[in-house]
Amino acid sequence: MYKEFQYFLTSYCTLSLDQDDFWSAIQLFIDGEDAEIQHQLQVELTQIINGEQYKTAQNLIEEFGSRALSVSETKEWILHNDQQLKHKK
């Protein structure tokens, strides 16, 4: 479930990132990945948003990103990443 989201978490949201860098990890993803992978992540984020699967996303962030976020923080972070992908430079 949410293969690209899991990839993003394990590859770009490492424990070495501080809180500010965690929020900007999506830019590293945009700069480092091809358009198809970016599109797949955006599709998965849209599925999370449309299905209000923030608890699932929260669990994935904890498991694959080793971060404990509240559901509201998870929602805010997912929406932020979705917007960054939609308006990438």
N, C-alpha and C. Protein backbone atom coordinates (compact mmCIF):
# COMPACT_ATOMS: atom_id res chain seq x y z
N MET A 1 0.84 -1.18 0.00
CA MET A 1 0.00 0.00 0.00
C MET A 1 0.88 1.25 0.00
N TYR A 2 0.60 2.16 -0.90
CA TYR A 2 1.31 3.43 -1.01
C TYR A 2 2.82 3.23 -1.17
N LYS A 3 3.18 2.49 -2.20
CA LYS A 3 4.58 2.12 -2.46
C LYS A 3 5.50 3.34 -2.62
N GLU A 4 5.08 4.32 -3.42
CA GLU A 4 5.93 5.50 -3.64
C GLU A 4 6.03 6.34 -2.38
N PHE A 5 4.95 6.41 -1.61
CA PHE A 5 4.98 7.15 -0.35
C PHE A 5 5.98 6.50 0.61
N GLN A 6 5.97 5.18 0.67
CA GLN A 6 6.94 4.47 1.51
C GLN A 6 8.36 4.73 1.02
N TYR A 7 8.55 4.72 -0.30
CA TYR A 7 9.87 5.01 -0.87
C TYR A 7 10.31 6.42 -0.49
N PHE A 8 9.42 7.39 -0.63
CA PHE A 8 9.73 8.78 -0.27
C PHE A 8 10.16 8.87 1.20
N LEU A 9 9.42 8.19 2.06
CA LEU A 9 9.74 8.24 3.49
C LEU A 9 11.10 7.62 3.79
N THR A 10 11.38 6.45 3.24
CA THR A 10 12.64 5.77 3.56
C THR A 10 13.84 6.43 2.90
N SER A 11 13.64 7.04 1.74
CA SER A 11 14.77 7.61 1.00
C SER A 11 15.02 9.08 1.28
N TYR A 12 13.99 9.84 1.59
CA TYR A 12 14.14 11.29 1.72
C TYR A 12 13.83 11.83 3.11
N CYS A 13 13.16 11.08 3.93
CA CYS A 13 12.77 11.56 5.26
C CYS A 13 13.54 10.81 6.34
N THR A 14 14.84 10.87 6.22
CA THR A 14 15.71 10.12 7.12
C THR A 14 15.76 10.76 8.51
N LEU A 15 16.21 9.98 9.46
CA LEU A 15 16.30 10.46 10.84
C LEU A 15 17.25 11.63 11.00
N SER A 16 18.19 11.78 10.10
CA SER A 16 19.16 12.86 10.22
C SER A 16 18.56 14.23 9.93
N LEU A 17 17.37 14.28 9.36
CA LEU A 17 16.72 15.56 9.06
C LEU A 17 16.14 16.18 10.31
N ASP A 18 16.38 17.48 10.48
CA ASP A 18 15.68 18.17 11.57
C ASP A 18 14.26 18.50 11.09
N GLN A 19 13.47 19.11 11.94
CA GLN A 19 12.06 19.34 11.63
C GLN A 19 11.88 20.20 10.38
N ASP A 20 12.67 21.26 10.22
CA ASP A 20 12.55 22.11 9.03
C ASP A 20 12.91 21.34 7.76
N ASP A 21 13.97 20.56 7.83
CA ASP A 21 14.38 19.77 6.67
C ASP A 21 13.35 18.69 6.33
N PHE A 22 12.69 18.16 7.35
CA PHE A 22 11.63 17.17 7.13
C PHE A 22 10.53 17.78 6.26
N TRP A 23 10.20 19.03 6.51
CA TRP A 23 9.16 19.70 5.72
C TRP A 23 9.64 20.04 4.31
N SER A 24 10.93 20.18 4.11
CA SER A 24 11.45 20.50 2.78
C SER A 24 11.97 19.28 2.03
N ALA A 25 11.82 18.10 2.60
CA ALA A 25 12.30 16.87 1.94
C ALA A 25 11.64 16.67 0.59
N ILE A 26 10.42 17.15 0.43
CA ILE A 26 9.71 16.99 -0.84
C ILE A 26 10.47 17.69 -1.97
N GLN A 27 11.15 18.80 -1.66
CA GLN A 27 11.90 19.49 -2.70
C GLN A 27 13.09 18.65 -3.16
N LEU A 28 13.73 17.96 -2.25
CA LEU A 28 14.82 17.04 -2.63
C LEU A 28 14.28 15.93 -3.52
N PHE A 29 13.09 15.44 -3.18
CA PHE A 29 12.44 14.40 -3.99
C PHE A 29 12.15 14.93 -5.39
N ILE A 30 11.60 16.13 -5.49
CA ILE A 30 11.28 16.73 -6.79
C ILE A 30 12.55 16.92 -7.61
N ASP A 31 13.61 17.38 -6.96
CA ASP A 31 14.87 17.62 -7.66
C ASP A 31 15.56 16.32 -8.08
N GLY A 32 15.32 15.23 -7.34
CA GLY A 32 16.07 14.01 -7.57
C GLY A 32 15.37 12.89 -8.32
N GLU A 33 14.06 13.01 -8.48
CA GLU A 33 13.30 11.92 -9.10
C GLU A 33 12.69 12.34 -10.43
N ASP A 34 12.49 11.36 -11.30
CA ASP A 34 11.90 11.67 -12.60
C ASP A 34 10.40 11.94 -12.47
N ALA A 35 9.83 12.47 -13.53
CA ALA A 35 8.44 12.92 -13.52
C ALA A 35 7.45 11.80 -13.21
N GLU A 36 7.72 10.60 -13.68
CA GLU A 36 6.79 9.48 -13.45
C GLU A 36 6.71 9.11 -11.97
N ILE A 37 7.84 9.07 -11.31
CA ILE A 37 7.85 8.75 -9.88
C ILE A 37 7.18 9.87 -9.09
N GLN A 38 7.44 11.11 -9.48
CA GLN A 38 6.77 12.24 -8.84
C GLN A 38 5.26 12.14 -9.01
N HIS A 39 4.84 11.78 -10.21
CA HIS A 39 3.41 11.63 -10.48
C HIS A 39 2.80 10.53 -9.62
N GLN A 40 3.49 9.42 -9.50
CA GLN A 40 2.98 8.31 -8.69
C GLN A 40 2.82 8.71 -7.23
N LEU A 41 3.78 9.46 -6.70
CA LEU A 41 3.66 9.93 -5.32
C LEU A 41 2.47 10.88 -5.19
N GLN A 42 2.31 11.76 -6.17
CA GLN A 42 1.18 12.69 -6.11
C GLN A 42 -0.15 11.94 -6.16
N VAL A 43 -0.25 10.91 -6.97
CA VAL A 43 -1.46 10.09 -7.03
C VAL A 43 -1.74 9.47 -5.66
N GLU A 44 -0.70 8.94 -5.03
CA GLU A 44 -0.88 8.32 -3.72
C GLU A 44 -1.27 9.34 -2.66
N LEU A 45 -0.66 10.52 -2.69
CA LEU A 45 -1.04 11.56 -1.73
C LEU A 45 -2.48 11.99 -1.94
N THR A 46 -2.90 12.09 -3.19
CA THR A 46 -4.29 12.44 -3.50
C THR A 46 -5.24 11.36 -2.97
N GLN A 47 -4.85 10.11 -3.10
CA GLN A 47 -5.67 9.02 -2.55
C GLN A 47 -5.79 9.13 -1.03
N ILE A 48 -4.69 9.45 -0.38
CA ILE A 48 -4.72 9.63 1.08
C ILE A 48 -5.65 10.78 1.44
N ILE A 49 -5.53 11.89 0.73
CA ILE A 49 -6.35 13.07 1.01
C ILE A 49 -7.82 12.79 0.74
N ASN A 50 -8.12 12.27 -0.44
CA ASN A 50 -9.52 12.04 -0.81
C ASN A 50 -10.18 10.98 0.07
N GLY A 51 -9.42 10.01 0.50
CA GLY A 51 -9.95 8.95 1.35
C GLY A 51 -9.81 9.25 2.84
N GLU A 52 -9.26 10.44 3.13
CA GLU A 52 -9.01 10.84 4.52
C GLU A 52 -8.28 9.73 5.29
N GLN A 53 -7.25 9.21 4.66
CA GLN A 53 -6.47 8.11 5.22
C GLN A 53 -5.27 8.63 6.03
N TYR A 54 -5.51 9.66 6.82
CA TYR A 54 -4.41 10.29 7.56
C TYR A 54 -3.87 9.39 8.67
N LYS A 55 -4.71 8.58 9.27
CA LYS A 55 -4.24 7.64 10.30
C LYS A 55 -3.31 6.60 9.66
N THR A 56 -3.69 6.11 8.48
CA THR A 56 -2.82 5.18 7.75
C THR A 56 -1.50 5.85 7.41
N ALA A 57 -1.57 7.10 6.92
CA ALA A 57 -0.35 7.85 6.59
C ALA A 57 0.50 8.07 7.84
N GLN A 58 -0.15 8.38 8.95
CA GLN A 58 0.56 8.57 10.21
C GLN A 58 1.34 7.31 10.58
N ASN A 59 0.71 6.16 10.44
CA ASN A 59 1.37 4.89 10.75
C ASN A 59 2.54 4.63 9.81
N LEU A 60 2.37 4.94 8.53
CA LEU A 60 3.46 4.76 7.56
C LEU A 60 4.63 5.69 7.86
N ILE A 61 4.32 6.93 8.24
CA ILE A 61 5.37 7.89 8.59
C ILE A 61 6.16 7.38 9.79
N GLU A 62 5.45 6.83 10.75
CA GLU A 62 6.13 6.29 11.93
C GLU A 62 6.99 5.08 11.57
N GLU A 63 6.43 4.19 10.75
CA GLU A 63 7.14 2.96 10.40
C GLU A 63 8.31 3.19 9.45
N PHE A 64 8.08 3.96 8.39
CA PHE A 64 9.10 4.12 7.35
C PHE A 64 9.91 5.40 7.47
N GLY A 65 9.38 6.41 8.17
CA GLY A 65 10.09 7.66 8.34
C GLY A 65 10.59 7.87 9.76
N SER A 66 10.27 6.93 10.63
CA SER A 66 10.71 6.96 12.04
C SER A 66 10.39 8.28 12.72
N ARG A 67 9.17 8.78 12.47
CA ARG A 67 8.73 10.03 13.09
C ARG A 67 7.33 9.85 13.65
N ALA A 68 7.12 10.44 14.80
CA ALA A 68 5.80 10.37 15.43
C ALA A 68 5.11 11.72 15.25
N LEU A 69 4.09 11.73 14.39
CA LEU A 69 3.29 12.93 14.16
C LEU A 69 1.87 12.66 14.63
N SER A 70 1.20 13.71 15.05
CA SER A 70 -0.23 13.57 15.35
C SER A 70 -0.98 13.44 14.03
N VAL A 71 -2.23 13.07 14.10
CA VAL A 71 -3.03 12.98 12.87
C VAL A 71 -3.13 14.35 12.21
N SER A 72 -3.31 15.40 13.00
CA SER A 72 -3.42 16.75 12.41
C SER A 72 -2.10 17.19 11.78
N GLU A 73 -0.96 16.87 12.40
CA GLU A 73 0.34 17.17 11.80
C GLU A 73 0.54 16.37 10.53
N THR A 74 0.11 15.12 10.55
CA THR A 74 0.20 14.27 9.36
C THR A 74 -0.59 14.87 8.22
N LYS A 75 -1.81 15.29 8.50
CA LYS A 75 -2.66 15.89 7.47
C LYS A 75 -2.00 17.13 6.89
N GLU A 76 -1.50 18.00 7.76
CA GLU A 76 -0.84 19.23 7.31
C GLU A 76 0.37 18.91 6.44
N TRP A 77 1.16 17.91 6.83
CA TRP A 77 2.36 17.55 6.09
C TRP A 77 2.01 16.93 4.74
N ILE A 78 1.00 16.07 4.71
CA ILE A 78 0.54 15.46 3.46
C ILE A 78 0.05 16.54 2.50
N LEU A 79 -0.79 17.44 3.00
CA LEU A 79 -1.31 18.53 2.15
C LEU A 79 -0.18 19.41 1.63
N HIS A 80 0.80 19.69 2.48
CA HIS A 80 1.97 20.49 2.07
C HIS A 80 2.71 19.80 0.92
N ASN A 81 3.00 18.51 1.09
CA ASN A 81 3.73 17.78 0.05
C ASN A 81 2.93 17.69 -1.24
N ASP A 82 1.64 17.50 -1.13
CA ASP A 82 0.77 17.46 -2.31
C ASP A 82 0.84 18.79 -3.06
N GLN A 83 0.75 19.89 -2.33
CA GLN A 83 0.82 21.21 -2.96
C GLN A 83 2.18 21.44 -3.61
N GLN A 84 3.25 21.02 -2.96
CA GLN A 84 4.58 21.18 -3.54
C GLN A 84 4.71 20.42 -4.86
N LEU A 85 4.16 19.22 -4.92
CA LEU A 85 4.20 18.44 -6.15
C LEU A 85 3.35 19.08 -7.24
N LYS A 86 2.22 19.64 -6.88
CA LYS A 86 1.34 20.27 -7.87
C LYS A 86 1.93 21.56 -8.42
N HIS A 87 2.73 22.24 -7.63
CA HIS A 87 3.29 23.54 -8.03
C HIS A 87 4.80 23.51 -8.12
N LYS A 88 5.34 22.36 -8.50
CA LYS A 88 6.80 22.24 -8.57
C LYS A 88 7.38 23.20 -9.59
N LYS A 89 8.60 23.59 -9.30
CA LYS A 89 9.29 24.57 -10.16
C LYS A 89 9.96 23.88 -11.31
